[in-house]
Amino acid sequence: MKSGRAITLLLVASLVAGGCAQQGAAKGGGRGARGGASPNPIPTAAAKLTIVRATTTISGIIAPFQNVAISSSLSEPTRSVPVNEGDHVTAGEVVAVLDTADLLAQLAQAQAAVVTEMRTAASADAKVTMMRYTARLNIGTANDQVKSAQAALAQAQHTLTNDTSNLVRDQDLLRGGYVAQQVVDQQLTVVNNDQAAVRTAQANLQTTLTQQSVNGGSSSGLQAANIASAIADARAAHAVVDQGRAQVRQLQTTISKATVISPVDGVIVNRNLNPGEYPGARTIFTIQQLDKVYAELNASSADTFAIPVGAPVTLSVSGNANTAYQGRVVAVLGQVTPGSTNFTVKVLVQNPDRRLQSGLPVSATISLPAVRGVGVPTTAFLDDTHTSLMIADDQLVDVVAKTVHVRELASDGATSIVTGIKAGQSVVANGQLGVTDGQTLVQNAP
């Protein structure tokens, strides 16, 4: 049947009806004789290609963008708390100040100790310099002493050689009777003395060589060891300075923590600290960032497939229908509790007026991606599951109702995109009229 044909089952004016009845009687029966015809009009609509921009509405509550719990590790009494619950604070604003008199005293003592330790380190550095000069002096002196001892030995050996030659000559003269025995004896004494002098010079040389070896050079020996020892002492002194400076920095950092500041722009929702109290291990402030918030929406498993990240969302608050807030889906989260089928759709919402408070119930309308396909009226479905509808089946003689099974892909509440029928197919527009399979909708003209 063509879509332009009016599909009705209607009792027309009595004249036309009478004529038809006579014509039907002459033929042995007509439409009035068919038990399946309906006395009321059955509206139909043609399925057609269209685009549906569907939305889904789910509810949830507002959660802060950040919920910051502030505590303090200091064991100091509170000096002042300039904020109260409900106050708006900015990042870096002071929310509490602790008394640090004892810490300041420790800091002054540590700084004075660093000054003393720096002097000790400077003295150790000067000692290193002095040891370097002393080493150079001792090494140079030892080298000079070796040269002097070598020269003395050479001189003693030369003297011994000359005196020994004279002794040999005197002994030859004695045998010839030219000199007296006394002369030879005196020369022998001189030679003996020269030999003793040579031995002394050799001992002196050996001593200076030993001293030279012990002193060593710039990289080994006694003098190098003395320099290394002085350097080690200087490094130890500087290490003490570094340790003292680290203690000063630690105290300065600890003192800076005595000024408690807000890390975010937000609202004080919990103040658990008063002047004179010690912070202890408890949370002393809770600050919620509310210039932007999350709407945490309760979703079903079907929603997790239908709602994409980035989908635009319009939020409304019960009792404030005139104000709408815009946001976007930033996450579709898994099970709220293990084993459940409840999921969470997380929406980021700008909240410049901070009217959306944590815990406020909201209703969210989420725009789903556009779907293109064969569209039918959403009222055409026969069941709540939207899986079946009636088509007007043209059987040449009559157009009758026929149930077909479909699958709904998307719906905007008025039109549903389905699979299972083709574009142009006529469908019963209202699936709740009680039309049954095989019921005649209209009789085709002969």
Foldseek 3Di string as FASTA:
>chain_A
DFQVDAFFQEDDDPVVNVVVVVVQVVVPHDPVVDPQADHGTFDWDFWAWDKDFAKDKFKFAWFFPDKDFDFDPDQFFWAAAPDDFFDWDAAFAFGTFTDCPVLVVVLVVLVVVLVVLVVVLVVLVVVLVVLVVVLVVQLVVLVVQLVVLVVQLVVLVVQLVVLVVVLVVVVVCVVVVNDDVVVNVVSVVVNVVSVVSNVVSVVSNVVSVVSNVQSDDCCDHDSVVSSVVSVVSSVVSVVVSVVSVVVSVVSVVSNVVSRPGHRRGFGWNDAQHHGRDTRPPDRGTITGHQQKIKGKTKDFPVCVVFADFFWKKWKDAPPCRPDIWIWTFHDWADDPDPPDRITITITITGRNVSPRDGGGMMMMMTTTDMDIATKAFPQQAQDPQRFKGWFQCCPPFFTATDIWTWHWDHDRNTMTHIPGDHGRTMTRRHNPPPGDGGRTRGGDDD
